[in-house]
Amino acid sequence: MQNTAKLDSTGAAEQSDITSAAIDGELDSAQFDTFLRDYKRDNDLESQWQTYHLIGDALRQTPMHASSIAQRVSAQLANEPTLLAPQRKSLVHKYALPVAASVAAVMLVSWSALNLTSDPIHSSTLAANTPSAQQPVIQTAQIDPTQLNEFIAAHRDYSAGVNSPFVNASYEIPAERNR
């Protein structure tokens, strides 16, 4: 590589040559200082620097360092702040209200059942003092059988599902048997 490469140039080919010269140690101190200033400002130059070093290591067959990703992850975890999880609610708080409601319901049912069965004197006197209701007499209208037969015969034609002749289905018990 040439030592006379200009660092002020913006061309990619010239920048590549300057990076290669810096890696090989072919730049004087003023040129190297200018390269470092550009290196700090340009991310592409940093990427190019790392790529050239990787190519050089591959050509020289330099053994690669084992990846220390596990160590880096452990270090990052150690540096993170510890977050405290909230404490779990005790079972007393979780089941206190349902148990109290169940006990209250059982007590209410027991108390009302106890009041109904423990005072038979009052219930019997209450029944004795209550006036008994008389059974109402239900009267039905008596229809003359001849009028009923005439009514059924007159309306037989209007019923859709009945095609059989009219039959009077009454049953009379002879007076002799009632004795």
N, C-alpha and C. Protein backbone atom coordinates (compact mmCIF):
# COMPACT_ATOMS: atom_id res chain seq x y z
N MET A 1 0.83 -1.17 0.00
CA MET A 1 0.00 0.00 0.00
C MET A 1 0.88 1.24 0.00
N GLN A 2 0.32 2.30 -0.47
CA GLN A 2 1.10 3.53 -0.56
C GLN A 2 0.96 4.34 0.71
N ASN A 3 2.05 4.94 1.14
CA ASN A 3 2.02 5.81 2.31
C ASN A 3 1.46 7.18 1.98
N THR A 4 1.35 7.49 0.74
CA THR A 4 0.93 8.83 0.33
C THR A 4 -0.57 8.94 0.11
N ALA A 5 -1.33 7.96 0.51
CA ALA A 5 -2.78 8.01 0.32
C ALA A 5 -3.35 9.14 1.16
N LYS A 6 -4.24 9.87 0.58
CA LYS A 6 -4.80 11.03 1.26
C LYS A 6 -6.03 10.61 2.05
N LEU A 7 -6.10 11.04 3.30
CA LEU A 7 -7.22 10.69 4.17
C LEU A 7 -8.41 11.60 3.96
N ASP A 8 -8.22 12.74 3.31
CA ASP A 8 -9.31 13.68 3.13
C ASP A 8 -10.26 13.26 2.02
N SER A 9 -9.90 12.32 1.24
CA SER A 9 -10.71 11.90 0.11
C SER A 9 -11.94 11.16 0.60
N THR A 10 -13.06 11.33 -0.09
CA THR A 10 -14.30 10.67 0.30
C THR A 10 -14.58 9.44 -0.53
N GLY A 11 -13.74 9.09 -1.46
CA GLY A 11 -13.97 7.93 -2.30
C GLY A 11 -13.86 6.65 -1.50
N ALA A 12 -14.71 5.70 -1.81
CA ALA A 12 -14.73 4.43 -1.08
C ALA A 12 -13.47 3.63 -1.32
N ALA A 13 -12.94 3.67 -2.55
CA ALA A 13 -11.72 2.92 -2.86
C ALA A 13 -10.54 3.48 -2.09
N GLU A 14 -10.44 4.80 -2.04
CA GLU A 14 -9.34 5.41 -1.30
C GLU A 14 -9.47 5.15 0.19
N GLN A 15 -10.71 5.19 0.71
CA GLN A 15 -10.92 4.94 2.14
C GLN A 15 -10.55 3.50 2.46
N SER A 16 -10.86 2.59 1.55
CA SER A 16 -10.49 1.19 1.73
C SER A 16 -8.98 1.02 1.76
N ASP A 17 -8.30 1.75 0.88
CA ASP A 17 -6.82 1.68 0.86
C ASP A 17 -6.23 2.24 2.16
N ILE A 18 -6.80 3.33 2.65
CA ILE A 18 -6.30 3.94 3.88
C ILE A 18 -6.52 3.01 5.06
N THR A 19 -7.68 2.35 5.11
CA THR A 19 -7.96 1.39 6.20
C THR A 19 -6.98 0.24 6.15
N SER A 20 -6.73 -0.28 4.97
CA SER A 20 -5.77 -1.37 4.81
C SER A 20 -4.37 -0.94 5.24
N ALA A 21 -3.98 0.28 4.87
CA ALA A 21 -2.65 0.80 5.25
C ALA A 21 -2.57 0.98 6.76
N ALA A 22 -3.65 1.41 7.40
CA ALA A 22 -3.64 1.60 8.85
C ALA A 22 -3.50 0.26 9.56
N ILE A 23 -4.16 -0.76 9.04
CA ILE A 23 -4.07 -2.09 9.66
C ILE A 23 -2.66 -2.66 9.49
N ASP A 24 -2.07 -2.42 8.34
CA ASP A 24 -0.72 -2.94 8.07
C ASP A 24 0.37 -2.11 8.72
N GLY A 25 0.01 -0.96 9.31
CA GLY A 25 1.00 -0.12 9.97
C GLY A 25 1.80 0.72 8.99
N GLU A 26 1.29 1.05 7.83
CA GLU A 26 2.01 1.78 6.79
C GLU A 26 1.76 3.28 6.82
N LEU A 27 0.94 3.79 7.76
CA LEU A 27 0.65 5.22 7.84
C LEU A 27 1.58 5.87 8.85
N ASP A 28 1.97 7.14 8.55
CA ASP A 28 2.77 7.86 9.55
C ASP A 28 1.83 8.36 10.65
N SER A 29 2.34 8.95 11.67
CA SER A 29 1.53 9.31 12.84
C SER A 29 0.47 10.36 12.52
N ALA A 30 0.75 11.33 11.66
CA ALA A 30 -0.25 12.36 11.31
C ALA A 30 -1.40 11.73 10.53
N GLN A 31 -1.06 10.84 9.57
CA GLN A 31 -2.10 10.18 8.79
C GLN A 31 -2.93 9.24 9.69
N PHE A 32 -2.24 8.57 10.61
CA PHE A 32 -2.96 7.65 11.50
C PHE A 32 -3.89 8.42 12.44
N ASP A 33 -3.48 9.59 12.92
CA ASP A 33 -4.35 10.41 13.76
C ASP A 33 -5.59 10.86 12.99
N THR A 34 -5.39 11.23 11.73
CA THR A 34 -6.54 11.62 10.89
C THR A 34 -7.47 10.42 10.68
N PHE A 35 -6.89 9.24 10.46
CA PHE A 35 -7.68 8.02 10.29
C PHE A 35 -8.50 7.73 11.56
N LEU A 36 -7.88 7.86 12.72
CA LEU A 36 -8.61 7.59 13.98
C LEU A 36 -9.76 8.57 14.18
N ARG A 37 -9.53 9.85 13.79
CA ARG A 37 -10.60 10.84 13.91
C ARG A 37 -11.78 10.45 13.00
N ASP A 38 -11.47 10.03 11.77
CA ASP A 38 -12.52 9.59 10.84
C ASP A 38 -13.19 8.30 11.34
N TYR A 39 -12.39 7.42 11.92
CA TYR A 39 -12.89 6.13 12.43
C TYR A 39 -13.95 6.35 13.52
N LYS A 40 -13.72 7.35 14.38
CA LYS A 40 -14.66 7.62 15.48
C LYS A 40 -15.98 8.18 14.97
N ARG A 41 -15.96 8.86 13.82
CA ARG A 41 -17.16 9.49 13.29
C ARG A 41 -17.94 8.60 12.33
N ASP A 42 -17.32 7.62 11.73
CA ASP A 42 -17.93 6.85 10.64
C ASP A 42 -18.14 5.39 11.07
N ASN A 43 -19.40 4.98 11.14
CA ASN A 43 -19.71 3.59 11.51
C ASN A 43 -19.32 2.61 10.40
N ASP A 44 -19.40 3.05 9.16
CA ASP A 44 -19.01 2.17 8.06
C ASP A 44 -17.51 1.87 8.11
N LEU A 45 -16.74 2.85 8.52
CA LEU A 45 -15.29 2.66 8.64
C LEU A 45 -14.98 1.65 9.74
N GLU A 46 -15.74 1.71 10.82
CA GLU A 46 -15.55 0.73 11.91
C GLU A 46 -15.89 -0.67 11.44
N SER A 47 -16.98 -0.80 10.68
CA SER A 47 -17.36 -2.11 10.14
C SER A 47 -16.29 -2.63 9.18
N GLN A 48 -15.75 -1.73 8.37
CA GLN A 48 -14.69 -2.12 7.43
C GLN A 48 -13.43 -2.56 8.18
N TRP A 49 -13.09 -1.87 9.25
CA TRP A 49 -11.94 -2.21 10.09
C TRP A 49 -12.09 -3.64 10.63
N GLN A 50 -13.28 -3.95 11.17
CA GLN A 50 -13.51 -5.28 11.72
C GLN A 50 -13.48 -6.35 10.63
N THR A 51 -14.02 -6.04 9.46
CA THR A 51 -14.01 -7.00 8.35
C THR A 51 -12.58 -7.31 7.91
N TYR A 52 -11.76 -6.27 7.79
CA TYR A 52 -10.37 -6.48 7.38
C TYR A 52 -9.60 -7.32 8.40
N HIS A 53 -9.84 -7.07 9.66
CA HIS A 53 -9.17 -7.89 10.69
C HIS A 53 -9.64 -9.34 10.62
N LEU A 54 -10.90 -9.56 10.36
CA LEU A 54 -11.43 -10.92 10.24
C LEU A 54 -10.81 -11.63 9.03
N ILE A 55 -10.67 -10.91 7.91
CA ILE A 55 -10.03 -11.49 6.72
C ILE A 55 -8.57 -11.83 7.02
N GLY A 56 -7.87 -10.93 7.69
CA GLY A 56 -6.47 -11.18 8.03
C GLY A 56 -6.33 -12.39 8.94
N ASP A 57 -7.22 -12.53 9.93
CA ASP A 57 -7.17 -13.69 10.83
C ASP A 57 -7.44 -14.98 10.06
N ALA A 58 -8.36 -14.94 9.09
CA ALA A 58 -8.67 -16.13 8.31
C ALA A 58 -7.48 -16.51 7.42
N LEU A 59 -6.82 -15.53 6.82
CA LEU A 59 -5.66 -15.82 5.97
C LEU A 59 -4.49 -16.37 6.78
N ARG A 60 -4.31 -15.85 7.97
CA ARG A 60 -3.21 -16.32 8.82
C ARG A 60 -3.59 -17.59 9.59
N GLN A 61 -4.84 -18.01 9.48
CA GLN A 61 -5.38 -19.16 10.21
C GLN A 61 -5.17 -19.02 11.71
N THR A 62 -5.44 -17.84 12.17
CA THR A 62 -5.34 -17.56 13.60
C THR A 62 -6.52 -18.25 14.29
N PRO A 63 -6.25 -19.00 15.37
CA PRO A 63 -7.37 -19.66 16.05
C PRO A 63 -8.32 -18.61 16.64
N MET A 64 -9.59 -18.88 16.45
CA MET A 64 -10.62 -17.97 16.95
C MET A 64 -10.80 -18.19 18.45
N HIS A 65 -11.11 -17.13 19.12
CA HIS A 65 -11.41 -17.25 20.54
C HIS A 65 -12.80 -17.84 20.71
N ALA A 66 -12.92 -18.68 21.70
CA ALA A 66 -14.22 -19.29 21.97
C ALA A 66 -15.22 -18.19 22.33
N SER A 67 -16.40 -18.39 21.86
CA SER A 67 -17.45 -17.40 22.12
C SER A 67 -17.76 -17.38 23.61
N SER A 68 -17.72 -16.23 24.15
CA SER A 68 -17.99 -16.10 25.59
C SER A 68 -19.39 -15.54 25.83
N ILE A 69 -20.33 -16.01 25.03
CA ILE A 69 -21.68 -15.47 25.14
C ILE A 69 -22.30 -15.81 26.49
N ALA A 70 -22.02 -17.01 26.99
CA ALA A 70 -22.58 -17.39 28.28
C ALA A 70 -22.04 -16.49 29.39
N GLN A 71 -20.77 -16.16 29.31
CA GLN A 71 -20.18 -15.27 30.33
C GLN A 71 -20.76 -13.87 30.21
N ARG A 72 -20.97 -13.40 28.99
CA ARG A 72 -21.53 -12.06 28.81
C ARG A 72 -22.97 -11.99 29.29
N VAL A 73 -23.74 -13.05 29.02
CA VAL A 73 -25.13 -13.07 29.50
C VAL A 73 -25.16 -13.10 31.02
N SER A 74 -24.30 -13.91 31.63
CA SER A 74 -24.24 -13.97 33.10
C SER A 74 -23.86 -12.62 33.68
N ALA A 75 -22.92 -11.95 33.04
CA ALA A 75 -22.50 -10.63 33.52
C ALA A 75 -23.64 -9.62 33.40
N GLN A 76 -24.37 -9.67 32.29
CA GLN A 76 -25.49 -8.75 32.12
C GLN A 76 -26.59 -9.03 33.14
N LEU A 77 -26.86 -10.30 33.41
CA LEU A 77 -27.87 -10.65 34.41
C LEU A 77 -27.46 -10.19 35.80
N ALA A 78 -26.17 -10.30 36.09
CA ALA A 78 -25.67 -9.86 37.40
C ALA A 78 -25.79 -8.34 37.54
N ASN A 79 -25.67 -7.61 36.44
CA ASN A 79 -25.75 -6.15 36.49
C ASN A 79 -27.18 -5.62 36.54
N GLU A 80 -28.15 -6.44 36.18
CA GLU A 80 -29.54 -5.97 36.18
C GLU A 80 -30.06 -5.87 37.60
N PRO A 81 -30.95 -4.91 37.83
CA PRO A 81 -31.50 -4.77 39.18
C PRO A 81 -32.45 -5.93 39.51
N THR A 82 -32.50 -6.26 40.77
CA THR A 82 -33.37 -7.33 41.23
C THR A 82 -34.78 -6.78 41.40
N LEU A 83 -35.74 -7.43 40.77
CA LEU A 83 -37.13 -7.02 40.90
C LEU A 83 -37.80 -7.94 41.91
N LEU A 84 -38.45 -7.34 42.88
CA LEU A 84 -39.13 -8.13 43.89
C LEU A 84 -40.58 -8.34 43.47
N ALA A 85 -40.98 -9.59 43.44
CA ALA A 85 -42.36 -9.91 43.10
C ALA A 85 -43.23 -9.66 44.32
N PRO A 86 -44.48 -9.26 44.11
CA PRO A 86 -45.35 -9.05 45.27
C PRO A 86 -45.61 -10.37 45.98
N GLN A 87 -45.79 -10.27 47.29
CA GLN A 87 -46.02 -11.49 48.05
C GLN A 87 -47.38 -12.06 47.70
N ARG A 88 -47.44 -13.36 47.78
CA ARG A 88 -48.68 -14.05 47.49
C ARG A 88 -49.65 -13.86 48.63
N LYS A 89 -50.91 -13.66 48.32
CA LYS A 89 -51.92 -13.51 49.36
C LYS A 89 -52.08 -14.84 50.09
N SER A 90 -52.25 -14.73 51.37
CA SER A 90 -52.41 -15.96 52.14
C SER A 90 -53.80 -16.54 51.86
N LEU A 91 -53.94 -17.82 52.15
CA LEU A 91 -55.21 -18.49 51.91
C LEU A 91 -56.31 -17.95 52.82
N VAL A 92 -55.92 -17.37 53.96
CA VAL A 92 -56.91 -16.81 54.87
C VAL A 92 -57.65 -15.67 54.17
N HIS A 93 -56.91 -14.80 53.49
CA HIS A 93 -57.56 -13.69 52.80
C HIS A 93 -58.40 -14.17 51.62
N LYS A 94 -57.96 -15.22 50.97
CA LYS A 94 -58.66 -15.70 49.79
C LYS A 94 -59.98 -16.37 50.14
N TYR A 95 -60.01 -17.13 51.23
CA TYR A 95 -61.20 -17.92 51.56
C TYR A 95 -61.99 -17.38 52.74
N ALA A 96 -61.60 -16.27 53.33
CA ALA A 96 -62.28 -15.75 54.52
C ALA A 96 -63.72 -15.36 54.21
N LEU A 97 -63.94 -14.57 53.19
CA LEU A 97 -65.29 -14.09 52.88
C LEU A 97 -66.22 -15.23 52.46
N PRO A 98 -65.84 -16.16 51.59
CA PRO A 98 -66.75 -17.25 51.26
C PRO A 98 -67.09 -18.14 52.46
N VAL A 99 -66.12 -18.39 53.33
CA VAL A 99 -66.39 -19.21 54.51
C VAL A 99 -67.35 -18.48 55.45
N ALA A 100 -67.13 -17.19 55.65
CA ALA A 100 -68.02 -16.41 56.52
C ALA A 100 -69.44 -16.38 55.96
N ALA A 101 -69.58 -16.24 54.65
CA ALA A 101 -70.91 -16.23 54.04
C ALA A 101 -71.59 -17.59 54.20
N SER A 102 -70.84 -18.67 54.06
CA SER A 102 -71.41 -20.01 54.23
C SER A 102 -71.87 -20.23 55.66
N VAL A 103 -71.05 -19.83 56.62
CA VAL A 103 -71.42 -19.98 58.03
C VAL A 103 -72.67 -19.16 58.33
N ALA A 104 -72.75 -17.95 57.80
CA ALA A 104 -73.92 -17.10 58.04
C ALA A 104 -75.17 -17.74 57.44
N ALA A 105 -75.06 -18.33 56.25
CA ALA A 105 -76.21 -18.97 55.63
C ALA A 105 -76.67 -20.18 56.44
N VAL A 106 -75.74 -20.98 56.92
CA VAL A 106 -76.10 -22.15 57.73
C VAL A 106 -76.76 -21.71 59.03
N MET A 107 -76.24 -20.68 59.65
CA MET A 107 -76.83 -20.18 60.90
C MET A 107 -78.24 -19.64 60.66
N LEU A 108 -78.46 -18.94 59.57
CA LEU A 108 -79.77 -18.39 59.27
C LEU A 108 -80.79 -19.50 59.06
N VAL A 109 -80.42 -20.52 58.30
CA VAL A 109 -81.33 -21.64 58.06
C VAL A 109 -81.58 -22.40 59.36
N SER A 110 -80.55 -22.62 60.16
CA SER A 110 -80.72 -23.34 61.43
C SER A 110 -81.60 -22.55 62.38
N TRP A 111 -81.42 -21.25 62.45
CA TRP A 111 -82.20 -20.42 63.37
C TRP A 111 -83.67 -20.41 62.97
N SER A 112 -83.94 -20.29 61.67
CA SER A 112 -85.34 -20.27 61.24
C SER A 112 -85.98 -21.65 61.44
N ALA A 113 -85.24 -22.73 61.23
CA ALA A 113 -85.79 -24.06 61.47
C ALA A 113 -86.01 -24.29 62.96
N LEU A 114 -85.15 -23.78 63.80
CA LEU A 114 -85.28 -23.92 65.24
C LEU A 114 -86.50 -23.16 65.75
N ASN A 115 -86.76 -22.00 65.21
CA ASN A 115 -87.93 -21.22 65.63
C ASN A 115 -89.22 -21.89 65.22
N LEU A 116 -89.24 -22.59 64.13
CA LEU A 116 -90.47 -23.25 63.68
C LEU A 116 -90.79 -24.47 64.53
N THR A 117 -89.81 -25.19 65.00
CA THR A 117 -90.07 -26.44 65.73
C THR A 117 -90.01 -26.28 67.24
N SER A 118 -89.42 -25.23 67.78
CA SER A 118 -89.24 -25.14 69.22
C SER A 118 -90.43 -24.58 69.96
N ASP A 119 -91.42 -24.02 69.30
CA ASP A 119 -92.54 -23.39 69.98
C ASP A 119 -93.86 -23.99 69.51
N PRO A 120 -94.14 -25.29 69.84
CA PRO A 120 -95.37 -25.92 69.36
C PRO A 120 -96.62 -25.36 70.03
N ILE A 121 -96.50 -24.79 71.23
CA ILE A 121 -97.68 -24.27 71.94
C ILE A 121 -98.28 -23.10 71.17
N HIS A 122 -97.45 -22.23 70.73
CA HIS A 122 -97.95 -21.07 70.01
C HIS A 122 -98.55 -21.45 68.67
N SER A 123 -97.97 -22.43 68.03
CA SER A 123 -98.52 -22.82 66.74
C SER A 123 -99.86 -23.52 66.90
N SER A 124 -100.05 -24.30 67.97
CA SER A 124 -101.34 -24.97 68.16
C SER A 124 -102.41 -23.97 68.59
N THR A 125 -102.05 -23.00 69.41
CA THR A 125 -103.05 -21.99 69.80
C THR A 125 -103.40 -21.11 68.62
N LEU A 126 -102.46 -20.88 67.77
CA LEU A 126 -102.73 -20.10 66.57
C LEU A 126 -103.71 -20.85 65.68
N ALA A 127 -103.54 -22.16 65.56
CA ALA A 127 -104.45 -22.95 64.74
C ALA A 127 -105.83 -23.01 65.36
N ALA A 128 -105.91 -23.02 66.69
CA ALA A 128 -107.21 -23.09 67.36
C ALA A 128 -107.95 -21.77 67.23
N ASN A 129 -107.26 -20.68 67.21
CA ASN A 129 -107.91 -19.38 67.13
C ASN A 129 -108.26 -18.98 65.70
N THR A 130 -107.74 -19.65 64.74
CA THR A 130 -108.02 -19.31 63.35
C THR A 130 -109.38 -19.88 62.97
N PRO A 131 -110.27 -19.04 62.47
CA PRO A 131 -111.59 -19.57 62.07
C PRO A 131 -111.43 -20.47 60.85
N SER A 132 -112.17 -21.56 60.86
CA SER A 132 -112.07 -22.49 59.74
C SER A 132 -112.93 -21.97 58.59
N ALA A 133 -112.42 -22.12 57.44
CA ALA A 133 -113.14 -21.67 56.26
C ALA A 133 -114.09 -22.77 55.82
N GLN A 134 -115.31 -22.38 55.48
CA GLN A 134 -116.28 -23.36 55.00
C GLN A 134 -116.02 -23.64 53.54
N GLN A 135 -116.24 -24.88 53.19
CA GLN A 135 -116.04 -25.27 51.80
C GLN A 135 -117.15 -24.66 50.96
N PRO A 136 -116.80 -23.96 49.91
CA PRO A 136 -117.85 -23.38 49.07
C PRO A 136 -118.57 -24.49 48.30
N VAL A 137 -119.82 -24.28 48.09
CA VAL A 137 -120.64 -25.24 47.37
C VAL A 137 -120.61 -24.85 45.90
N ILE A 138 -120.17 -25.76 45.10
CA ILE A 138 -120.10 -25.50 43.67
C ILE A 138 -121.35 -26.07 43.02
N GLN A 139 -122.08 -25.20 42.36
CA GLN A 139 -123.30 -25.64 41.69
C GLN A 139 -123.04 -25.68 40.20
N THR A 140 -123.48 -26.74 39.59
CA THR A 140 -123.31 -26.87 38.16
C THR A 140 -124.68 -26.81 37.50
N ALA A 141 -124.68 -26.31 36.31
CA ALA A 141 -125.95 -26.22 35.56
C ALA A 141 -126.30 -27.60 35.03
N GLN A 142 -127.53 -27.97 35.19
CA GLN A 142 -128.02 -29.25 34.69
C GLN A 142 -128.58 -29.05 33.29
N ILE A 143 -128.08 -29.83 32.36
CA ILE A 143 -128.52 -29.73 30.98
C ILE A 143 -129.44 -30.90 30.69
N ASP A 144 -130.52 -30.59 30.03
CA ASP A 144 -131.48 -31.62 29.65
C ASP A 144 -130.83 -32.49 28.58
N PRO A 145 -130.82 -33.82 28.72
CA PRO A 145 -130.17 -34.70 27.75
C PRO A 145 -130.72 -34.55 26.34
N THR A 146 -131.98 -34.28 26.18
CA THR A 146 -132.53 -34.14 24.82
C THR A 146 -131.98 -32.88 24.15
N GLN A 147 -131.84 -31.81 24.93
CA GLN A 147 -131.28 -30.58 24.36
C GLN A 147 -129.80 -30.80 23.99
N LEU A 148 -129.08 -31.57 24.82
CA LEU A 148 -127.68 -31.84 24.54
C LEU A 148 -127.54 -32.65 23.25
N ASN A 149 -128.40 -33.64 23.07
CA ASN A 149 -128.35 -34.46 21.85
C ASN A 149 -128.64 -33.63 20.61
N GLU A 150 -129.62 -32.75 20.70
CA GLU A 150 -129.95 -31.88 19.57
C GLU A 150 -128.76 -30.95 19.25
N PHE A 151 -128.13 -30.42 20.29
CA PHE A 151 -127.00 -29.51 20.09
C PHE A 151 -125.83 -30.23 19.41
N ILE A 152 -125.54 -31.44 19.85
CA ILE A 152 -124.43 -32.19 19.28
C ILE A 152 -124.75 -32.59 17.84
N ALA A 153 -125.97 -32.98 17.57
CA ALA A 153 -126.35 -33.37 16.22
C ALA A 153 -126.28 -32.17 15.28
N ALA A 154 -126.67 -30.99 15.75
CA ALA A 154 -126.65 -29.80 14.91
C ALA A 154 -125.23 -29.36 14.59
N HIS A 155 -124.29 -29.57 15.48
CA HIS A 155 -122.92 -29.10 15.28
C HIS A 155 -121.95 -30.19 14.83
N ARG A 156 -122.48 -31.37 14.57
CA ARG A 156 -121.64 -32.47 14.15
C ARG A 156 -121.00 -32.18 12.80
N ASP A 157 -121.66 -31.50 11.92
CA ASP A 157 -121.14 -31.22 10.59
C ASP A 157 -119.97 -30.24 10.62
N TYR A 158 -119.85 -29.46 11.66
CA TYR A 158 -118.80 -28.45 11.73
C TYR A 158 -117.48 -28.97 12.31
N SER A 159 -117.49 -30.13 12.91
CA SER A 159 -116.24 -30.66 13.45
C SER A 159 -115.52 -31.41 12.35
N ALA A 160 -114.23 -31.08 12.16
CA ALA A 160 -113.48 -31.58 11.01
C ALA A 160 -113.06 -33.04 11.14
N GLY A 161 -112.66 -33.47 12.31
CA GLY A 161 -112.06 -34.79 12.42
C GLY A 161 -113.03 -35.89 12.77
N VAL A 162 -114.29 -35.60 12.94
CA VAL A 162 -115.22 -36.64 13.39
C VAL A 162 -116.09 -37.06 12.21
N ASN A 163 -115.94 -38.29 11.78
CA ASN A 163 -116.75 -38.81 10.67
C ASN A 163 -117.66 -39.94 11.14
N SER A 164 -117.59 -40.25 12.39
CA SER A 164 -118.42 -41.34 12.90
C SER A 164 -119.79 -40.79 13.29
N PRO A 165 -120.79 -41.63 13.26
CA PRO A 165 -122.13 -41.16 13.66
C PRO A 165 -122.16 -40.84 15.14
N PHE A 166 -123.12 -40.04 15.51
CA PHE A 166 -123.27 -39.61 16.89
C PHE A 166 -123.65 -40.77 17.78
N VAL A 167 -122.93 -40.90 18.90
CA VAL A 167 -123.23 -41.94 19.86
C VAL A 167 -123.33 -41.28 21.22
N ASN A 168 -124.40 -41.53 21.93
CA ASN A 168 -124.56 -41.00 23.28
C ASN A 168 -123.91 -41.99 24.23
N ALA A 169 -122.90 -41.55 24.93
CA ALA A 169 -122.15 -42.45 25.78
C ALA A 169 -122.48 -42.18 27.23
N SER A 170 -123.68 -42.46 27.63
CA SER A 170 -124.05 -42.29 29.03
C SER A 170 -124.32 -43.66 29.61
N TYR A 171 -124.20 -43.74 30.89
CA TYR A 171 -124.38 -45.02 31.56
C TYR A 171 -125.30 -44.78 32.75
N GLU A 172 -126.38 -45.49 32.77
CA GLU A 172 -127.33 -45.35 33.87
C GLU A 172 -127.37 -46.64 34.67
N ILE A 173 -127.40 -46.44 35.96
CA ILE A 173 -127.49 -47.60 36.85
C ILE A 173 -128.97 -47.79 37.18
N PRO A 174 -129.46 -48.99 36.98
CA PRO A 174 -130.88 -49.24 37.31
C PRO A 174 -131.13 -49.02 38.80
N ALA A 175 -132.28 -48.55 39.12
CA ALA A 175 -132.65 -48.23 40.50
C ALA A 175 -132.65 -49.47 41.38
N GLU A 176 -132.85 -50.64 40.83
CA GLU A 176 -132.89 -51.86 41.61
C GLU A 176 -131.54 -52.18 42.23
N ARG A 177 -130.50 -51.84 41.54
CA ARG A 177 -129.17 -52.17 42.03
C ARG A 177 -128.75 -51.30 43.20
N ASN A 178 -129.23 -50.10 43.29
CA ASN A 178 -128.80 -49.18 44.34
C ASN A 178 -129.23 -49.64 45.72
N ARG A 179 -130.14 -50.56 45.81
CA ARG A 179 -130.63 -50.99 47.09
C ARG A 179 -129.73 -51.89 47.76
